[in-house]
């Protein structure tokens, strides 16, 4: 067999294998991001209008998150926050709007204690999405009701729902449910 014939056979095979390898890498990357971010993956695709842009955004979030000093809580700090939460819940009966606002403040304080920056809701959502993507909708829903409550436009049922939503993220952050980076290492 001549060299030209061998090249004519081998070259297309090499090209096909290379294309399949690259495609496989993209599929693995997408799968890894979907597993890591959960429902936040599809939200990012919807928000950006493109899978490629969403994946770049999610990878940037992950990179930023990896640079943060996310840490587990000591037993004493965890107990103090649990007591603070019980106090906020108890407040709900007499002052539901205040309780929801206090729940928001307490969740933000807990985030800060764990090492998350708390400079703005949008950035908080992005930072939390890396380890808490499956509970992030709870935080969004609670925050939305909190905004309504500030103008006295939230119903008691909405306020009750906000407390439930805040509690989901609060408990996950309190228990290190997203697994702090140092715990994974």
Protein backbone atom coordinates (compact mmCIF):
# COMPACT_ATOMS: atom_id res chain seq x y z
CA UNK A 1 0.00 0.00 0.00
CA UNK A 2 1.35 3.40 -0.91
CA UNK A 3 1.94 6.27 1.53
CA UNK A 4 -0.79 8.30 -0.13
CA UNK A 5 -3.32 5.50 0.35
CA UNK A 6 -2.34 5.10 4.01
CA UNK A 7 -2.69 8.84 4.56
CA UNK A 8 -6.04 8.84 2.80
CA UNK A 9 -7.24 6.16 5.25
CA UNK A 10 -5.53 7.30 8.46
CA UNK A 11 -6.05 11.07 8.18
CA UNK A 12 -9.89 10.95 8.16
CA UNK A 13 -9.81 8.50 11.07
CA UNK A 14 -7.55 10.83 13.08
CA UNK A 15 -9.80 13.79 12.30
CA UNK A 16 -12.95 11.90 13.34
CA UNK A 17 -11.29 10.73 16.58
CA UNK A 18 -10.15 14.29 17.34
CA UNK A 19 -13.63 15.71 16.70
CA UNK A 20 -15.20 13.03 18.91
CA UNK A 21 -12.67 13.74 21.67
CA UNK A 22 -13.40 17.48 21.59
CA UNK A 23 -17.15 16.83 21.57
CA UNK A 24 -16.72 14.46 24.50
CA UNK A 25 -14.88 17.15 26.46
CA UNK A 26 -17.71 19.62 25.87
CA UNK A 27 -20.30 17.05 26.96
CA UNK A 28 -18.30 16.23 30.11
CA UNK A 29 -17.89 19.94 30.90
CA UNK A 30 -21.62 20.54 30.47
CA UNK A 31 -22.47 17.52 32.64
CA UNK A 32 -20.05 18.64 35.36
CA UNK A 33 -21.59 22.11 35.41
CA UNK A 34 -25.14 20.71 35.49
CA UNK A 35 -24.26 18.49 38.43
CA UNK A 36 -22.50 21.29 40.28
CA UNK A 37 -25.10 24.02 39.74
CA UNK A 38 -28.31 21.99 39.54
CA UNK A 39 -31.30 24.12 38.48
CA UNK A 40 -29.05 27.17 38.37
CA UNK A 41 -27.50 25.78 35.16
CA UNK A 42 -30.78 26.10 33.23
CA UNK A 43 -31.48 29.49 34.79
CA UNK A 44 -28.08 30.74 33.58
CA UNK A 45 -28.80 29.43 30.08
CA UNK A 46 -32.15 31.21 30.11
CA UNK A 47 -30.66 34.44 31.46
CA UNK A 48 -27.77 34.56 28.99
CA UNK A 49 -29.67 33.14 26.02
CA UNK A 50 -26.82 30.77 25.19
CA UNK A 51 -25.38 27.58 26.65
CA UNK A 52 -21.86 28.69 25.84
CA UNK A 53 -22.30 32.08 27.55
CA UNK A 54 -24.01 30.42 30.52
CA UNK A 55 -21.19 27.92 30.90
CA UNK A 56 -18.60 30.71 30.80
CA UNK A 57 -20.58 32.57 33.46
CA UNK A 58 -20.90 29.50 35.67
CA UNK A 59 -17.19 28.74 35.35
CA UNK A 60 -16.41 32.35 36.31
CA UNK A 61 -18.65 31.95 39.36
CA UNK A 62 -16.84 28.76 40.29
CA UNK A 63 -13.44 30.42 39.88
CA UNK A 64 -14.49 33.36 42.08
CA UNK A 65 -15.95 30.95 44.64
CA UNK A 66 -12.75 28.91 44.74
CA UNK A 67 -10.89 32.06 45.75
CA UNK A 68 -13.23 32.70 48.68
CA UNK A 69 -12.42 31.47 52.16
CA UNK A 70 -15.63 29.52 52.77
CA UNK A 71 -15.38 27.89 56.16
CA UNK A 72 -17.44 25.64 58.38
CA UNK A 73 -18.86 27.00 61.61
CA UNK A 74 -17.69 26.10 65.08
CA UNK A 75 -20.23 24.35 67.28
CA UNK A 76 -20.68 27.45 69.44
CA UNK A 77 -21.31 29.74 66.48
CA UNK A 78 -23.70 27.20 64.96
CA UNK A 79 -25.67 27.02 68.23
CA UNK A 80 -25.81 30.82 68.50
CA UNK A 81 -27.23 31.10 64.97
CA UNK A 82 -29.75 28.34 65.65
CA UNK A 83 -30.93 30.24 68.71
CA UNK A 84 -31.12 33.47 66.72
CA UNK A 85 -33.26 31.68 64.12
CA UNK A 86 -35.64 30.38 66.79
CA UNK A 87 -35.99 33.95 68.06
CA UNK A 88 -36.76 35.28 64.55
CA UNK A 89 -39.35 32.53 64.03
CA UNK A 90 -40.96 33.37 67.36
CA UNK A 91 -41.21 37.00 66.30
CA UNK A 92 -43.33 36.01 63.28
CA UNK A 93 -46.61 35.65 65.21
CA UNK A 94 -46.70 39.25 66.42
CA UNK A 95 -44.63 41.00 63.74
CA UNK A 96 -44.47 38.95 60.51
CA UNK A 97 -42.98 41.69 58.31
CA UNK A 98 -40.26 42.40 60.86
CA UNK A 99 -39.59 38.68 61.21
CA UNK A 100 -39.08 38.27 57.45
CA UNK A 101 -36.73 41.25 57.36
CA UNK A 102 -34.85 39.89 60.37
CA UNK A 103 -34.64 36.48 58.68
CA UNK A 104 -33.04 38.14 55.66
CA UNK A 105 -30.55 39.94 57.90
CA UNK A 106 -29.79 36.72 59.78
CA UNK A 107 -29.22 34.71 56.58
CA UNK A 108 -26.93 37.46 55.28
CA UNK A 109 -25.03 37.48 58.57
CA UNK A 110 -24.64 33.70 58.42
CA UNK A 111 -23.35 33.95 54.86
CA UNK A 112 -20.77 36.50 55.99
CA UNK A 113 -19.79 34.27 58.93
CA UNK A 114 -19.22 31.37 56.52
CA UNK A 115 -16.99 33.58 54.35
CA UNK A 116 -19.33 34.66 51.56
CA UNK A 117 -19.13 38.30 50.47
CA UNK A 118 -22.46 40.03 51.00
CA UNK A 119 -22.07 43.18 48.90
CA UNK A 120 -25.29 42.81 46.92
CA UNK A 121 -28.12 40.37 46.29
CA UNK A 122 -27.08 39.65 42.71
CA UNK A 123 -23.51 38.79 43.72
CA UNK A 124 -24.74 36.80 46.74
CA UNK A 125 -26.88 34.70 44.41
CA UNK A 126 -23.93 34.04 42.11
CA UNK A 127 -21.60 33.14 44.98
CA UNK A 128 -24.15 30.87 46.63
CA UNK A 129 -25.00 29.16 43.33
CA UNK A 130 -21.72 27.25 43.31
CA UNK A 131 -22.46 25.18 46.41
CA UNK A 132 -26.13 25.89 47.03
CA UNK A 133 -27.65 25.93 43.54
CA UNK A 134 -30.38 23.52 44.56
CA UNK A 135 -31.68 25.79 47.33
CA UNK A 136 -31.15 29.12 45.63
CA UNK A 137 -34.75 29.40 44.39
CA UNK A 138 -35.80 29.45 48.04
CA UNK A 139 -33.56 32.43 48.67
CA UNK A 140 -34.83 34.24 45.58
CA UNK A 141 -38.46 33.68 46.55
CA UNK A 142 -37.87 34.79 50.14
CA UNK A 143 -35.98 37.89 49.07
CA UNK A 144 -38.76 38.84 46.65
CA UNK A 145 -41.36 38.66 49.42
CA UNK A 146 -39.05 40.59 51.72
CA UNK A 147 -38.96 43.38 49.15
CA UNK A 148 -42.78 43.37 49.04
CA UNK A 149 -42.97 43.46 52.82
CA UNK A 150 -40.85 46.60 52.96
CA UNK A 151 -43.70 48.42 51.22
CA UNK A 152 -46.37 46.49 53.19
CA UNK A 153 -47.60 44.71 50.05
CA UNK A 154 -46.96 41.12 51.13
CA UNK A 155 -49.79 38.96 52.44
CA UNK A 156 -49.41 36.99 55.65
CA UNK A 157 -49.30 33.79 53.59
CA UNK A 158 -46.50 35.21 51.43
CA UNK A 159 -44.62 36.22 54.57
CA UNK A 160 -45.06 32.73 56.01
CA UNK A 161 -43.76 31.25 52.78
CA UNK A 162 -40.76 33.58 52.88
CA UNK A 163 -39.88 32.34 56.35
CA UNK A 164 -40.02 28.75 55.08
CA UNK A 165 -37.82 29.66 52.11
CA UNK A 166 -35.28 31.49 54.25
CA UNK A 167 -35.18 28.52 56.62
CA UNK A 168 -34.20 26.12 53.82
CA UNK A 169 -31.08 28.10 52.91
CA UNK A 170 -30.40 29.00 56.53
CA UNK A 171 -30.36 25.34 57.59
CA UNK A 172 -28.13 24.37 54.68
CA UNK A 173 -25.65 27.14 55.45
CA UNK A 174 -25.78 26.33 59.15
CA UNK A 175 -25.11 22.64 58.63
CA UNK A 176 -22.47 23.17 55.91
CA UNK A 177 -24.89 21.41 53.56
CA UNK A 178 -23.03 22.71 50.54
CA UNK A 179 -19.82 21.33 52.03
CA UNK A 180 -17.28 24.06 52.62
CA UNK A 181 -14.19 23.84 50.41
CA UNK A 182 -11.94 23.02 53.36
CA UNK A 183 -14.15 20.09 54.29
CA UNK A 184 -13.80 18.68 50.75
CA UNK A 185 -10.02 18.96 50.71
